[in-house]
């Protein structure tokens, strides 16, 4: 059974920092591309950052220079370090595992709320 469990969300003032974690089980984490996405109320779910199994990273323009995605294959966990937070970063943040197989499949976590006050 595949599980992705996000943690680390909360309420922070503008300019502050948070570190999100996504602990996984049931997948071969070291060969799985991982990503963070976010969804604000009334908006679509958007990509924040991705990290491949080879460590290659990609960021949305809106978070470049402020957010850092990383992975720890020994802990089957992916992280999102968020610095210089802005009110517009307020959203539910979701972790995604993109499993490559005969039939590729995406697994999602339940989400963690991040609220940035001005």
Protein backbone atom coordinates (compact mmCIF):
# COMPACT_ATOMS: atom_id res chain seq x y z
CA UNK A 1 0.00 0.00 0.00
CA UNK A 2 1.42 3.33 -1.08
CA UNK A 3 1.36 6.17 1.45
CA UNK A 4 2.58 9.75 1.20
CA UNK A 5 2.30 11.72 4.42
CA UNK A 6 3.02 15.44 4.41
CA UNK A 7 3.90 17.43 7.50
CA UNK A 8 5.38 20.77 8.46
CA UNK A 9 2.67 23.15 7.38
CA UNK A 10 1.35 25.92 9.57
CA UNK A 11 0.86 29.63 10.05
CA UNK A 12 3.82 31.93 9.51
CA UNK A 13 4.33 35.64 9.03
CA UNK A 14 5.47 37.05 5.72
CA UNK A 15 9.22 36.72 5.39
CA UNK A 16 9.30 33.62 7.54
CA UNK A 17 10.27 30.05 6.72
CA UNK A 18 8.75 26.60 6.84
CA UNK A 19 10.06 23.16 5.97
CA UNK A 20 7.64 20.63 4.57
CA UNK A 21 8.31 16.91 4.66
CA UNK A 22 6.71 14.08 2.74
CA UNK A 23 7.39 10.63 4.12
CA UNK A 24 6.66 7.79 1.72
CA UNK A 25 6.14 4.06 1.93
CA UNK A 26 5.15 1.36 -0.51
CA UNK A 27 7.20 2.73 -3.41
CA UNK A 28 10.79 2.30 -4.55
CA UNK A 29 11.61 5.83 -3.49
CA UNK A 30 15.15 6.03 -4.88
CA UNK A 31 13.95 5.59 -8.47
CA UNK A 32 10.82 7.72 -8.16
CA UNK A 33 10.49 11.33 -9.26
CA UNK A 34 8.89 13.44 -6.54
CA UNK A 35 7.18 16.78 -6.58
CA UNK A 36 5.43 19.43 -4.55
CA UNK A 37 2.29 21.11 -5.77
CA UNK A 38 -0.03 23.65 -4.20
CA UNK A 39 -3.64 24.65 -4.48
CA UNK A 40 -5.10 27.91 -3.23
CA UNK A 41 -8.86 28.25 -2.63
CA UNK A 42 -10.74 28.52 -5.89
CA UNK A 43 -7.64 27.88 -7.98
CA UNK A 44 -6.16 24.91 -9.79
CA UNK A 45 -3.37 22.78 -8.39
CA UNK A 46 -0.02 24.13 -9.59
CA UNK A 47 3.48 22.75 -9.68
CA UNK A 48 5.88 24.17 -7.09
CA UNK A 49 8.98 22.03 -7.53
CA UNK A 50 10.08 18.61 -8.71
CA UNK A 51 13.12 16.46 -8.13
CA UNK A 52 14.08 13.49 -10.25
CA UNK A 53 15.61 10.24 -9.11
CA UNK A 54 18.91 11.66 -10.36
CA UNK A 55 18.50 14.76 -8.20
CA UNK A 56 17.63 17.08 -11.06
CA UNK A 57 15.35 19.84 -9.82
CA UNK A 58 12.79 22.13 -11.39
CA UNK A 59 10.96 25.09 -9.87
CA UNK A 60 8.03 27.28 -10.69
CA UNK A 61 9.18 30.80 -11.52
CA UNK A 62 7.23 32.17 -8.57
CA UNK A 63 9.34 30.26 -6.03
CA UNK A 64 12.78 30.27 -7.64
CA UNK A 65 15.40 31.56 -5.24
CA UNK A 66 13.10 31.13 -2.24
CA UNK A 67 12.18 27.42 -2.14
CA UNK A 68 14.47 24.41 -2.22
CA UNK A 69 13.38 20.84 -2.88
CA UNK A 70 15.54 17.96 -1.68
CA UNK A 71 15.30 14.25 -1.07
CA UNK A 72 16.73 11.74 1.37
CA UNK A 73 16.66 8.30 -0.21
CA UNK A 74 17.71 6.66 3.07
CA UNK A 75 14.57 8.05 4.74
CA UNK A 76 12.25 7.77 1.72
CA UNK A 77 11.41 11.42 2.29
CA UNK A 78 11.24 14.53 0.15
CA UNK A 79 11.48 18.02 1.60
CA UNK A 80 10.52 21.53 0.61
CA UNK A 81 12.37 24.33 2.36
CA UNK A 82 10.41 27.53 1.97
CA UNK A 83 12.07 30.84 2.79
CA UNK A 84 10.99 34.46 2.38
CA UNK A 85 7.38 33.36 2.40
CA UNK A 86 4.75 35.67 0.94
CA UNK A 87 0.98 35.83 1.52
CA UNK A 88 0.50 34.55 -2.03
CA UNK A 89 2.24 31.32 -1.02
CA UNK A 90 -0.80 30.50 1.09
CA UNK A 91 -2.23 27.18 -0.13
CA UNK A 92 -2.58 23.51 0.59
CA UNK A 93 0.68 21.86 -0.38
CA UNK A 94 0.61 18.35 -1.83
CA UNK A 95 3.36 15.82 -2.35
CA UNK A 96 3.34 13.69 -5.50
CA UNK A 97 5.18 10.50 -6.39
CA UNK A 98 5.44 9.80 -10.12
CA UNK A 99 5.90 6.06 -10.35
CA UNK A 100 7.33 4.80 -13.62
CA UNK A 101 6.12 1.35 -14.54
CA UNK A 102 4.37 -0.42 -17.38
CA UNK A 103 1.46 1.84 -16.48
CA UNK A 104 2.84 5.10 -15.00
CA UNK A 105 0.87 6.33 -12.03
CA UNK A 106 0.87 9.37 -9.76
CA UNK A 107 0.31 9.05 -6.04
CA UNK A 108 -0.70 12.04 -3.92
CA UNK A 109 -0.53 12.86 -0.26
CA UNK A 110 -3.39 14.32 1.72
CA UNK A 111 -1.92 17.83 1.74
CA UNK A 112 -0.71 20.22 4.41
CA UNK A 113 -1.96 23.76 4.88
CA UNK A 114 0.47 26.66 4.66
CA UNK A 115 -0.84 30.07 5.65
CA UNK A 116 1.30 33.19 5.35
CA UNK A 117 0.02 36.28 7.10
CA UNK A 118 0.90 39.79 6.00
